[in-house]
Amino acid sequence: MKTLVDGRLCAEATSFGFRFTCVDCAHFSADDERCANEYPNLIHLRARCEPGAVLEFCKEFELC
């Protein structure tokens, strides 16, 4: 799912401690920075919540 980031999303993400990148996912292997489910993760790995950016959310994300 792709979402265009605006100021409101950034403010709410900060306020609620929104986590969405690979490093916060239960399926992330920190040793090799890969998804344990073998999904390509380059887009998700270094995603940032900045106005004007487009976030692409992973359907396999599980908060650890």
N, C-alpha and C. Protein backbone atom coordinates (compact mmCIF):
# COMPACT_ATOMS: atom_id res chain seq x y z
N MET A 1 0.84 -1.17 0.00
CA MET A 1 0.00 0.00 0.00
C MET A 1 0.89 1.24 0.00
N LYS A 2 0.64 2.15 -0.90
CA LYS A 2 1.41 3.39 -0.99
C LYS A 2 0.60 4.54 -0.43
N THR A 3 1.26 5.38 0.37
CA THR A 3 0.61 6.51 1.01
C THR A 3 1.46 7.75 0.86
N LEU A 4 0.86 8.84 0.38
CA LEU A 4 1.55 10.12 0.27
C LEU A 4 1.61 10.74 1.67
N VAL A 5 2.79 11.15 2.08
CA VAL A 5 2.99 11.71 3.42
C VAL A 5 2.74 13.21 3.40
N ASP A 6 1.95 13.67 4.36
CA ASP A 6 1.74 15.10 4.53
C ASP A 6 2.12 15.47 5.96
N GLY A 7 2.02 16.73 6.29
CA GLY A 7 2.39 17.20 7.62
C GLY A 7 1.58 16.56 8.73
N ARG A 8 0.30 16.33 8.47
CA ARG A 8 -0.55 15.72 9.49
C ARG A 8 -0.09 14.30 9.81
N LEU A 9 0.23 13.52 8.79
CA LEU A 9 0.71 12.16 9.02
C LEU A 9 2.00 12.18 9.82
N CYS A 10 2.92 13.08 9.48
CA CYS A 10 4.18 13.18 10.22
C CYS A 10 3.94 13.52 11.69
N ALA A 11 3.05 14.47 11.94
CA ALA A 11 2.74 14.88 13.32
C ALA A 11 2.11 13.72 14.09
N GLU A 12 1.18 13.02 13.47
CA GLU A 12 0.53 11.90 14.15
C GLU A 12 1.51 10.73 14.34
N ALA A 13 2.37 10.50 13.38
CA ALA A 13 3.36 9.43 13.50
C ALA A 13 4.29 9.69 14.67
N THR A 14 4.70 10.93 14.83
CA THR A 14 5.56 11.30 15.95
C THR A 14 4.80 11.18 17.27
N SER A 15 3.60 11.70 17.29
CA SER A 15 2.78 11.69 18.51
C SER A 15 2.48 10.29 19.02
N PHE A 16 2.20 9.38 18.10
CA PHE A 16 1.80 8.02 18.49
C PHE A 16 2.93 7.00 18.42
N GLY A 17 4.14 7.42 18.05
CA GLY A 17 5.27 6.49 17.97
C GLY A 17 5.09 5.46 16.86
N PHE A 18 4.57 5.91 15.73
CA PHE A 18 4.30 5.04 14.58
C PHE A 18 5.58 4.37 14.09
N ARG A 19 5.56 3.05 14.02
CA ARG A 19 6.71 2.29 13.52
C ARG A 19 6.26 1.47 12.32
N PHE A 20 7.06 1.50 11.26
CA PHE A 20 6.63 0.87 10.02
C PHE A 20 7.78 0.34 9.18
N THR A 21 9.01 0.54 9.60
CA THR A 21 10.15 0.08 8.80
C THR A 21 10.55 -1.34 9.18
N CYS A 22 11.38 -1.92 8.37
CA CYS A 22 11.81 -3.31 8.56
C CYS A 22 12.44 -3.56 9.93
N VAL A 23 13.21 -2.60 10.41
CA VAL A 23 13.91 -2.83 11.69
C VAL A 23 12.96 -3.02 12.86
N ASP A 24 11.70 -2.60 12.72
CA ASP A 24 10.69 -2.78 13.76
C ASP A 24 9.82 -4.01 13.54
N CYS A 25 10.10 -4.76 12.49
CA CYS A 25 9.26 -5.90 12.10
C CYS A 25 9.80 -7.21 12.68
N ALA A 26 8.90 -8.07 13.08
CA ALA A 26 9.27 -9.38 13.63
C ALA A 26 9.93 -10.27 12.59
N HIS A 27 9.74 -9.99 11.32
CA HIS A 27 10.30 -10.82 10.24
C HIS A 27 11.66 -10.34 9.76
N PHE A 28 12.20 -9.31 10.41
CA PHE A 28 13.46 -8.72 9.97
C PHE A 28 14.65 -9.45 10.58
N SER A 29 15.59 -9.79 9.74
CA SER A 29 16.84 -10.41 10.18
C SER A 29 17.91 -9.33 10.21
N ALA A 30 18.28 -8.88 11.40
CA ALA A 30 19.25 -7.79 11.55
C ALA A 30 20.64 -8.20 11.07
N ASP A 31 20.96 -9.47 11.14
CA ASP A 31 22.29 -9.94 10.73
C ASP A 31 22.61 -9.60 9.28
N ASP A 32 21.64 -9.79 8.40
CA ASP A 32 21.89 -9.52 6.98
C ASP A 32 20.93 -8.48 6.40
N GLU A 33 20.17 -7.80 7.27
CA GLU A 33 19.21 -6.77 6.88
C GLU A 33 18.25 -7.25 5.80
N ARG A 34 17.75 -8.45 5.98
CA ARG A 34 16.81 -9.03 5.01
C ARG A 34 15.52 -9.43 5.71
N CYS A 35 14.52 -9.62 4.91
CA CYS A 35 13.23 -10.12 5.39
C CYS A 35 13.32 -11.64 5.51
N ALA A 36 12.94 -12.16 6.66
CA ALA A 36 12.96 -13.61 6.86
C ALA A 36 11.99 -14.32 5.92
N ASN A 37 10.98 -13.60 5.42
CA ASN A 37 10.02 -14.17 4.47
C ASN A 37 10.46 -13.97 3.03
N GLU A 38 11.66 -13.44 2.85
CA GLU A 38 12.29 -13.24 1.55
C GLU A 38 11.60 -12.20 0.66
N TYR A 39 10.87 -11.29 1.28
CA TYR A 39 10.29 -10.19 0.50
C TYR A 39 11.39 -9.17 0.23
N PRO A 40 11.35 -8.53 -0.93
CA PRO A 40 12.32 -7.46 -1.18
C PRO A 40 12.02 -6.32 -0.21
N ASN A 41 13.05 -5.82 0.45
CA ASN A 41 12.79 -4.84 1.51
C ASN A 41 13.53 -3.52 1.36
N LEU A 42 14.16 -3.28 0.27
CA LEU A 42 14.94 -2.06 0.11
C LEU A 42 14.08 -0.81 0.31
N ILE A 43 12.88 -0.79 -0.23
CA ILE A 43 11.98 0.36 -0.10
C ILE A 43 11.56 0.56 1.35
N HIS A 44 11.29 -0.52 2.06
CA HIS A 44 10.79 -0.44 3.43
C HIS A 44 11.89 -0.22 4.46
N LEU A 45 13.06 -0.71 4.17
CA LEU A 45 14.16 -0.71 5.13
C LEU A 45 14.54 0.69 5.60
N ARG A 46 14.63 1.62 4.69
CA ARG A 46 15.10 2.96 5.04
C ARG A 46 14.02 4.03 4.83
N ALA A 47 12.77 3.64 4.87
CA ALA A 47 11.66 4.58 4.67
C ALA A 47 11.65 5.64 5.77
N ARG A 48 11.30 6.86 5.39
CA ARG A 48 11.23 7.97 6.33
C ARG A 48 9.88 8.67 6.16
N CYS A 49 9.35 9.12 7.26
CA CYS A 49 8.09 9.85 7.25
C CYS A 49 8.41 11.34 7.12
N GLU A 50 8.44 11.84 5.88
CA GLU A 50 8.74 13.23 5.59
C GLU A 50 7.70 13.75 4.61
N PRO A 51 7.20 14.98 4.83
CA PRO A 51 6.20 15.53 3.91
C PRO A 51 6.67 15.45 2.45
N GLY A 52 5.78 14.98 1.59
CA GLY A 52 6.07 14.84 0.17
C GLY A 52 6.58 13.47 -0.22
N ALA A 53 7.01 12.68 0.76
CA ALA A 53 7.48 11.33 0.48
C ALA A 53 6.29 10.41 0.23
N VAL A 54 6.56 9.28 -0.38
CA VAL A 54 5.54 8.25 -0.56
C VAL A 54 6.01 7.04 0.23
N LEU A 55 5.21 6.64 1.21
CA LEU A 55 5.53 5.46 1.99
C LEU A 55 4.85 4.25 1.37
N GLU A 56 5.59 3.18 1.27
CA GLU A 56 5.03 1.93 0.77
C GLU A 56 5.06 0.94 1.94
N PHE A 57 3.90 0.56 2.40
CA PHE A 57 3.81 -0.31 3.57
C PHE A 57 3.83 -1.77 3.16
N CYS A 58 4.49 -2.58 3.96
CA CYS A 58 4.61 -4.01 3.70
C CYS A 58 3.39 -4.75 4.27
N LYS A 59 2.85 -5.65 3.49
CA LYS A 59 1.68 -6.40 3.95
C LYS A 59 2.05 -7.46 5.00
N GLU A 60 3.33 -7.77 5.15
CA GLU A 60 3.77 -8.78 6.11
C GLU A 60 4.25 -8.17 7.42
N PHE A 61 4.20 -6.85 7.57
CA PHE A 61 4.73 -6.19 8.76
C PHE A 61 4.02 -6.67 10.02
N GLU A 62 4.82 -7.09 10.99
CA GLU A 62 4.31 -7.44 12.31
C GLU A 62 5.22 -6.78 13.33
N LEU A 63 4.64 -5.97 14.18
CA LEU A 63 5.42 -5.28 15.18
C LEU A 63 6.02 -6.26 16.17
N CYS A 64 7.31 -6.14 16.41
CA CYS A 64 7.94 -7.07 17.36
C CYS A 64 7.97 -6.50 18.75
